[in-house]
Amino acid sequence: MSTTRPLRVGLFCFDGTEELDLVGPWEVLSVWAELSPLRPQVLTFSRDGTPVRCAKGLRVFPDTSADEVDPLHVLLYPGGAGTRALAVDREHLAWVRAMRARTPLVASVCTGALVLAAAGLLGGRPATTHAAAFDELAALDPSILADTSARFVDDGDVITSAGVSAGIDMALHLVARLENPSTALAVRKHIQYDPAPAG
């Protein structure tokens, strides 16, 4: 019997999460879990495991709490209006740094990159964020090599993606990276996602 731990992906959610930043990647990764023989575990979690209200009112009931979610292979940090408060929350930033130290891969969607920057995870590295948030990103850490045109930037152990729907592209890239491109294509076909629609 194999003792290898299954892949575990945790999507952090908080009050003010942008809905599609969370749900878009969650859909991709959950379909991957259904289709893949790797059977990755895809979990949502909040700071204390209690429900959160997203930016436009959607309520999310997380699977677990930050204290109970470990160990993860991938931490996915979405964006949204709630990131501004978290980017100045010293306790939360210390948690982000601790998670980075024990999680092989950290990925952000949209303004989730602001929290990663505030935690010191993007210094001197290429990164992207929502098109309207690059000034905020530079103010947090001017050493970040901002890529204003990429849908996502894979810098090895940290991946950042641009605004909202770009998180879907990044999640498909994660599937390709963690398993293979053909599985990512199968997921994309299953959710009928066309990143370059006609018209």
C-alpha atoms as a PDB file:
ATOM      1  CA  MET A   1       0.000   0.000   0.000  1.00  0.00           C
ATOM      2  CA  SER A   2       1.370   3.425  -0.983  1.00  0.00           C
ATOM      3  CA  THR A   3       2.209   5.829   1.809  1.00  0.00           C
ATOM      4  CA  THR A   4       2.397   8.841  -0.512  1.00  0.00           C
ATOM      5  CA  ARG A   5       0.164  11.639   0.667  1.00  0.00           C
ATOM      6  CA  PRO A   6      -2.491  12.746  -1.833  1.00  0.00           C
ATOM      7  CA  LEU A   7      -2.075  16.179  -3.326  1.00  0.00           C
ATOM      8  CA  ARG A   8      -3.879  18.731  -1.170  1.00  0.00           C
ATOM      9  CA  VAL A   9      -4.873  22.134  -2.482  1.00  0.00           C
ATOM     10  CA  GLY A  10      -6.298  24.693  -0.075  1.00  0.00           C
ATOM     11  CA  LEU A  11      -8.197  27.775  -1.213  1.00  0.00           C
ATOM     12  CA  PHE A  12      -8.221  30.470   1.443  1.00  0.00           C
ATOM     13  CA  CYS A  13     -11.425  32.505   1.722  1.00  0.00           C
ATOM     14  CA  PHE A  14     -12.154  35.641   3.702  1.00  0.00           C
ATOM     15  CA  ASP A  15     -14.736  38.374   3.979  1.00  0.00           C
ATOM     16  CA  GLY A  16     -14.507  40.419   0.809  1.00  0.00           C
ATOM     17  CA  THR A  17     -13.139  37.636  -1.401  1.00  0.00           C
ATOM     18  CA  GLU A  18     -13.907  38.306  -5.064  1.00  0.00           C
ATOM     19  CA  GLU A  19     -16.310  35.497  -5.952  1.00  0.00           C
ATOM     20  CA  LEU A  20     -14.802  34.329  -9.232  1.00  0.00           C
ATOM     21  CA  ASP A  21     -11.258  34.553  -7.835  1.00  0.00           C
ATOM     22  CA  LEU A  22     -12.262  31.736  -5.509  1.00  0.00           C
ATOM     23  CA  VAL A  23     -14.964  29.824  -7.354  1.00  0.00           C
ATOM     24  CA  GLY A  24     -13.272  29.839 -10.787  1.00  0.00           C
ATOM     25  CA  PRO A  25     -10.126  28.026  -9.616  1.00  0.00           C
ATOM     26  CA  TRP A  26     -12.203  25.874  -7.270  1.00  0.00           C
ATOM     27  CA  GLU A  27     -14.300  24.663 -10.219  1.00  0.00           C
ATOM     28  CA  VAL A  28     -11.207  23.837 -12.268  1.00  0.00           C
ATOM     29  CA  LEU A  29      -9.467  22.050  -9.418  1.00  0.00           C
ATOM     30  CA  SER A  30     -12.587  20.184  -8.294  1.00  0.00           C
ATOM     31  CA  VAL A  31     -13.183  18.861 -11.816  1.00  0.00           C
ATOM     32  CA  TRP A  32      -9.525  17.849 -11.901  1.00  0.00           C
ATOM     33  CA  ALA A  33     -10.101  15.905  -8.677  1.00  0.00           C
ATOM     34  CA  GLU A  34     -12.999  14.071 -10.336  1.00  0.00           C
ATOM     35  CA  LEU A  35     -11.106  13.231 -13.533  1.00  0.00           C
ATOM     36  CA  SER A  36      -7.606  12.531 -12.273  1.00  0.00           C
ATOM     37  CA  PRO A  37      -6.272   9.207 -10.969  1.00  0.00           C
ATOM     38  CA  LEU A  38      -4.201  11.339  -8.577  1.00  0.00           C
ATOM     39  CA  ARG A  39      -7.461  12.189  -6.762  1.00  0.00           C
ATOM     40  CA  PRO A  40      -6.205  15.488  -5.340  1.00  0.00           C
ATOM     41  CA  GLN A  41      -8.030  16.879  -2.325  1.00  0.00           C
ATOM     42  CA  VAL A  42      -9.406  20.370  -2.906  1.00  0.00           C
ATOM     43  CA  LEU A  43     -10.434  22.243   0.232  1.00  0.00           C
ATOM     44  CA  THR A  44     -11.730  25.674   1.093  1.00  0.00           C
ATOM     45  CA  PHE A  45     -10.795  27.189   4.414  1.00  0.00           C
ATOM     46  CA  SER A  46     -11.159  30.423   6.330  1.00  0.00           C
ATOM     47  CA  ARG A  47      -9.172  31.777   9.241  1.00  0.00           C
ATOM     48  CA  ASP A  48     -11.379  30.121  11.860  1.00  0.00           C
ATOM     49  CA  GLY A  49     -13.516  27.824   9.696  1.00  0.00           C
ATOM     50  CA  THR A  50     -16.603  30.026   9.907  1.00  0.00           C
ATOM     51  CA  PRO A  51     -18.571  31.229   6.850  1.00  0.00           C
ATOM     52  CA  VAL A  52     -17.410  34.281   4.926  1.00  0.00           C
ATOM     53  CA  ARG A  53     -19.308  36.805   2.839  1.00  0.00           C
ATOM     54  CA  CYS A  54     -17.684  37.513  -0.507  1.00  0.00           C
ATOM     55  CA  ALA A  55     -17.356  40.894  -2.193  1.00  0.00           C
ATOM     56  CA  LYS A  56     -20.721  40.799  -3.940  1.00  0.00           C
ATOM     57  CA  GLY A  57     -22.634  38.986  -1.229  1.00  0.00           C
ATOM     58  CA  LEU A  58     -22.099  35.287  -1.937  1.00  0.00           C
ATOM     59  CA  ARG A  59     -21.728  33.339   1.317  1.00  0.00           C
ATOM     60  CA  VAL A  60     -19.174  30.534   1.431  1.00  0.00           C
ATOM     61  CA  PHE A  61     -19.132  27.812   4.081  1.00  0.00           C
ATOM     62  CA  PRO A  62     -15.519  26.622   4.183  1.00  0.00           C
ATOM     63  CA  ASP A  63     -14.513  23.011   4.676  1.00  0.00           C
ATOM     64  CA  THR A  64     -12.150  23.756   7.529  1.00  0.00           C
ATOM     65  CA  SER A  65     -10.037  26.334   9.347  1.00  0.00           C
ATOM     66  CA  ALA A  66      -6.506  27.616   8.876  1.00  0.00           C
ATOM     67  CA  ASP A  67      -5.414  25.683  11.965  1.00  0.00           C
ATOM     68  CA  GLU A  68      -6.687  22.391  10.567  1.00  0.00           C
ATOM     69  CA  VAL A  69      -5.975  22.640   6.837  1.00  0.00           C
ATOM     70  CA  ASP A  70      -2.318  21.543   6.888  1.00  0.00           C
ATOM     71  CA  PRO A  71      -0.487  19.934   5.275  1.00  0.00           C
ATOM     72  CA  LEU A  72      -0.974  21.474   1.818  1.00  0.00           C
ATOM     73  CA  HIS A  73       0.919  21.089  -1.429  1.00  0.00           C
ATOM     74  CA  VAL A  74      -0.668  24.242  -2.860  1.00  0.00           C
ATOM     75  CA  LEU A  75      -2.067  27.307  -1.122  1.00  0.00           C
ATOM     76  CA  LEU A  76      -4.298  29.398  -3.354  1.00  0.00           C
ATOM     77  CA  TYR A  77      -4.944  32.960  -2.202  1.00  0.00           C
ATOM     78  CA  PRO A  78      -7.731  34.829  -4.054  1.00  0.00           C
ATOM     79  CA  GLY A  79      -8.179  38.571  -4.320  1.00  0.00           C
ATOM     80  CA  GLY A  80     -10.971  40.965  -3.579  1.00  0.00           C
ATOM     81  CA  ALA A  81     -11.646  44.067  -1.540  1.00  0.00           C
ATOM     82  CA  GLY A  82     -10.888  42.158   1.660  1.00  0.00           C
ATOM     83  CA  THR A  83      -7.208  41.870   0.759  1.00  0.00           C
ATOM     84  CA  ARG A  84      -6.542  45.485   1.755  1.00  0.00           C
ATOM     85  CA  ALA A  85      -7.271  44.847   5.428  1.00  0.00           C
ATOM     86  CA  LEU A  86      -5.350  41.581   5.367  1.00  0.00           C
ATOM     87  CA  ALA A  87      -2.320  43.255   3.787  1.00  0.00           C
ATOM     88  CA  VAL A  88      -1.880  45.382   6.930  1.00  0.00           C
ATOM     89  CA  ASP A  89      -2.769  42.669   9.448  1.00  0.00           C
ATOM     90  CA  ARG A  90       0.560  41.679  11.046  1.00  0.00           C
ATOM     91  CA  GLU A  91      -0.767  38.459  12.511  1.00  0.00           C
ATOM     92  CA  HIS A  92      -2.201  37.383   9.178  1.00  0.00           C
ATOM     93  CA  LEU A  93       0.993  38.251   7.301  1.00  0.00           C
ATOM     94  CA  ALA A  94       2.991  36.168   9.777  1.00  0.00           C
ATOM     95  CA  TRP A  95       0.599  33.283   9.055  1.00  0.00           C
ATOM     96  CA  VAL A  96       1.111  33.739   5.302  1.00  0.00           C
ATOM     97  CA  ARG A  97       4.888  33.605   5.759  1.00  0.00           C
ATOM     98  CA  ALA A  98       4.596  30.503   7.920  1.00  0.00           C
ATOM     99  CA  MET A  99       2.365  28.824   5.338  1.00  0.00           C
ATOM    100  CA  ARG A 100       4.842  29.678   2.600  1.00  0.00           C
ATOM    101  CA  ALA A 101       7.635  28.083   4.606  1.00  0.00           C
ATOM    102  CA  ARG A 102       5.829  24.742   4.764  1.00  0.00           C
ATOM    103  CA  THR A 103       3.831  24.767   1.509  1.00  0.00           C
ATOM    104  CA  PRO A 104       5.700  23.925  -1.702  1.00  0.00           C
ATOM    105  CA  LEU A 105       3.621  26.165  -3.953  1.00  0.00           C
ATOM    106  CA  VAL A 106       1.701  29.377  -3.247  1.00  0.00           C
ATOM    107  CA  ALA A 107      -0.577  30.881  -5.908  1.00  0.00           C
ATOM    108  CA  SER A 108      -2.577  34.094  -5.906  1.00  0.00           C
ATOM    109  CA  VAL A 109      -5.410  35.415  -7.990  1.00  0.00           C
ATOM    110  CA  CYS A 110      -5.925  39.106  -8.702  1.00  0.00           C
ATOM    111  CA  THR A 111      -5.227  41.299  -5.647  1.00  0.00           C
ATOM    112  CA  GLY A 112      -4.285  38.283  -3.592  1.00  0.00           C
ATOM    113  CA  ALA A 113      -0.809  39.281  -4.818  1.00  0.00           C
ATOM    114  CA  LEU A 114      -1.022  42.359  -2.585  1.00  0.00           C
ATOM    115  CA  VAL A 115      -1.080  40.151   0.509  1.00  0.00           C
ATOM    116  CA  LEU A 116       1.806  38.045  -0.793  1.00  0.00           C
ATOM    117  CA  ALA A 117       3.731  41.263  -1.442  1.00  0.00           C
ATOM    118  CA  ALA A 118       2.963  42.641   2.000  1.00  0.00           C
ATOM    119  CA  ALA A 119       4.199  39.367   3.503  1.00  0.00           C
ATOM    120  CA  GLY A 120       7.489  39.776   1.627  1.00  0.00           C
ATOM    121  CA  LEU A 121       7.009  36.825  -0.717  1.00  0.00           C
ATOM    122  CA  LEU A 122       7.359  38.679  -4.010  1.00  0.00           C
ATOM    123  CA  GLY A 123      10.463  40.789  -3.464  1.00  0.00           C
ATOM    124  CA  GLY A 124      12.667  40.890  -6.573  1.00  0.00           C
ATOM    125  CA  ARG A 125      10.411  38.412  -8.358  1.00  0.00           C
ATOM    126  CA  PRO A 126       8.206  38.676 -11.441  1.00  0.00           C
ATOM    127  CA  ALA A 127       4.515  38.884 -10.560  1.00  0.00           C
ATOM    128  CA  THR A 128       1.184  40.109 -11.791  1.00  0.00           C
ATOM    129  CA  THR A 129      -2.110  41.240 -10.317  1.00  0.00           C
ATOM    130  CA  HIS A 130      -5.329  42.971 -11.359  1.00  0.00           C
ATOM    131  CA  ALA A 131      -4.731  45.659 -13.974  1.00  0.00           C
ATOM    132  CA  ALA A 132      -5.943  48.354 -11.587  1.00  0.00           C
ATOM    133  CA  ALA A 133      -3.728  47.250  -8.678  1.00  0.00           C
ATOM    134  CA  PHE A 134      -0.184  47.599 -10.010  1.00  0.00           C
ATOM    135  CA  ASP A 135       0.376  50.914  -8.232  1.00  0.00           C
ATOM    136  CA  GLU A 136      -0.649  49.302  -4.954  1.00  0.00           C
ATOM    137  CA  LEU A 137       1.677  46.389  -5.653  1.00  0.00           C
ATOM    138  CA  ALA A 138       4.606  48.745  -6.315  1.00  0.00           C
ATOM    139  CA  ALA A 139       3.858  50.730  -3.168  1.00  0.00           C
ATOM    140  CA  LEU A 140       4.034  47.558  -1.092  1.00  0.00           C
ATOM    141  CA  ASP A 141       7.315  46.419  -2.633  1.00  0.00           C
ATOM    142  CA  PRO A 142       8.981  48.430  -5.426  1.00  0.00           C
ATOM    143  CA  SER A 143      11.431  45.580  -6.097  1.00  0.00           C
ATOM    144  CA  ILE A 144       8.662  43.412  -7.598  1.00  0.00           C
ATOM    145  CA  LEU A 145       9.097  42.904 -11.340  1.00  0.00           C
ATOM    146  CA  ALA A 146       5.555  43.674 -12.397  1.00  0.00           C
ATOM    147  CA  ASP A 147       4.289  41.957 -15.541  1.00  0.00           C
ATOM    148  CA  THR A 148       1.333  44.023 -16.714  1.00  0.00           C
ATOM    149  CA  SER A 149       0.452  41.863 -19.716  1.00  0.00           C
ATOM    150  CA  ALA A 150       0.592  38.249 -18.483  1.00  0.00           C
ATOM    151  CA  ARG A 151      -2.519  36.297 -17.509  1.00  0.00           C
ATOM    152  CA  PHE A 152      -0.366  34.535 -14.925  1.00  0.00           C
ATOM    153  CA  VAL A 153       3.301  34.425 -13.937  1.00  0.00           C
ATOM    154  CA  ASP A 154       4.848  31.126 -12.827  1.00  0.00           C
ATOM    155  CA  ASP A 155       8.027  31.812 -10.865  1.00  0.00           C
ATOM    156  CA  GLY A 156       8.582  28.310  -9.576  1.00  0.00           C
ATOM    157  CA  ASP A 157       7.318  28.164  -6.012  1.00  0.00           C
ATOM    158  CA  VAL A 158       5.069  31.215  -6.385  1.00  0.00           C
ATOM    159  CA  ILE A 159       2.471  31.809  -9.093  1.00  0.00           C
ATOM    160  CA  THR A 160       0.504  35.027  -9.444  1.00  0.00           C
ATOM    161  CA  SER A 161      -2.360  35.677 -11.816  1.00  0.00           C
ATOM    162  CA  ALA A 162      -4.078  38.755 -13.151  1.00  0.00           C
ATOM    163  CA  GLY A 163      -7.634  39.811 -12.394  1.00  0.00           C
ATOM    164  CA  VAL A 164     -10.652  37.620 -11.741  1.00  0.00           C
ATOM    165  CA  SER A 165     -11.082  35.304 -14.770  1.00  0.00           C
ATOM    166  CA  ALA A 166      -7.301  34.943 -15.107  1.00  0.00           C
ATOM    167  CA  GLY A 167      -7.498  32.700 -12.055  1.00  0.00           C
ATOM    168  CA  ILE A 168      -9.177  30.075 -14.240  1.00  0.00           C
ATOM    169  CA  ASP A 169      -6.238  30.143 -16.641  1.00  0.00           C
ATOM    170  CA  MET A 170      -3.827  29.896 -13.731  1.00  0.00           C
ATOM    171  CA  ALA A 171      -5.731  26.957 -12.232  1.00  0.00           C
ATOM    172  CA  LEU A 172      -5.618  25.115 -15.559  1.00  0.00           C
ATOM    173  CA  HIS A 173      -1.876  25.794 -15.644  1.00  0.00           C
ATOM    174  CA  LEU A 174      -1.639  24.297 -12.156  1.00  0.00           C
ATOM    175  CA  VAL A 175      -3.344  21.134 -13.392  1.00  0.00           C
ATOM    176  CA  ALA A 176      -0.935  20.926 -16.323  1.00  0.00           C
ATOM    177  CA  ARG A 177       2.012  21.457 -14.018  1.00  0.00           C
ATOM    178  CA  LEU A 178       0.926  19.082 -11.253  1.00  0.00           C
ATOM    179  CA  GLU A 179      -0.249  16.327 -13.611  1.00  0.00           C
ATOM    180  CA  ASN A 180       0.053  16.984 -17.355  1.00  0.00           C
ATOM    181  CA  PRO A 181      -1.235  19.232 -20.165  1.00  0.00           C
ATOM    182  CA  SER A 182      -3.619  16.593 -21.521  1.00  0.00           C
ATOM    183  CA  THR A 183      -5.426  16.437 -18.187  1.00  0.00           C
ATOM    184  CA  ALA A 184      -5.644  20.228 -18.120  1.00  0.00           C
ATOM    185  CA  LEU A 185      -7.174  20.103 -21.600  1.00  0.00           C
ATOM    186  CA  ALA A 186      -9.683  17.496 -20.444  1.00  0.00           C
ATOM    187  CA  VAL A 187     -10.673  19.744 -17.537  1.00  0.00           C
ATOM    188  CA  ARG A 188     -11.018  22.756 -19.846  1.00  0.00           C
ATOM    189  CA  LYS A 189     -13.263  20.783 -22.186  1.00  0.00           C
ATOM    190  CA  HIS A 190     -15.324  19.460 -19.278  1.00  0.00           C
ATOM    191  CA  ILE A 191     -16.094  22.967 -18.007  1.00  0.00           C
ATOM    192  CA  GLN A 192     -16.496  24.218 -21.606  1.00  0.00           C
ATOM    193  CA  TYR A 193     -14.024  27.015 -21.006  1.00  0.00           C
ATOM    194  CA  ASP A 194     -12.678  28.690 -24.117  1.00  0.00           C
ATOM    195  CA  PRO A 195      -9.931  31.174 -23.240  1.00  0.00           C
ATOM    196  CA  ALA A 196     -10.087  32.678 -26.716  1.00  0.00           C
ATOM    197  CA  PRO A 197     -13.750  32.647 -27.752  1.00  0.00           C
ATOM    198  CA  ALA A 198     -14.770  33.515 -31.276  1.00  0.00           C
ATOM    199  CA  GLY A 199     -16.317  36.913 -31.937  1.00  0.00           C
END
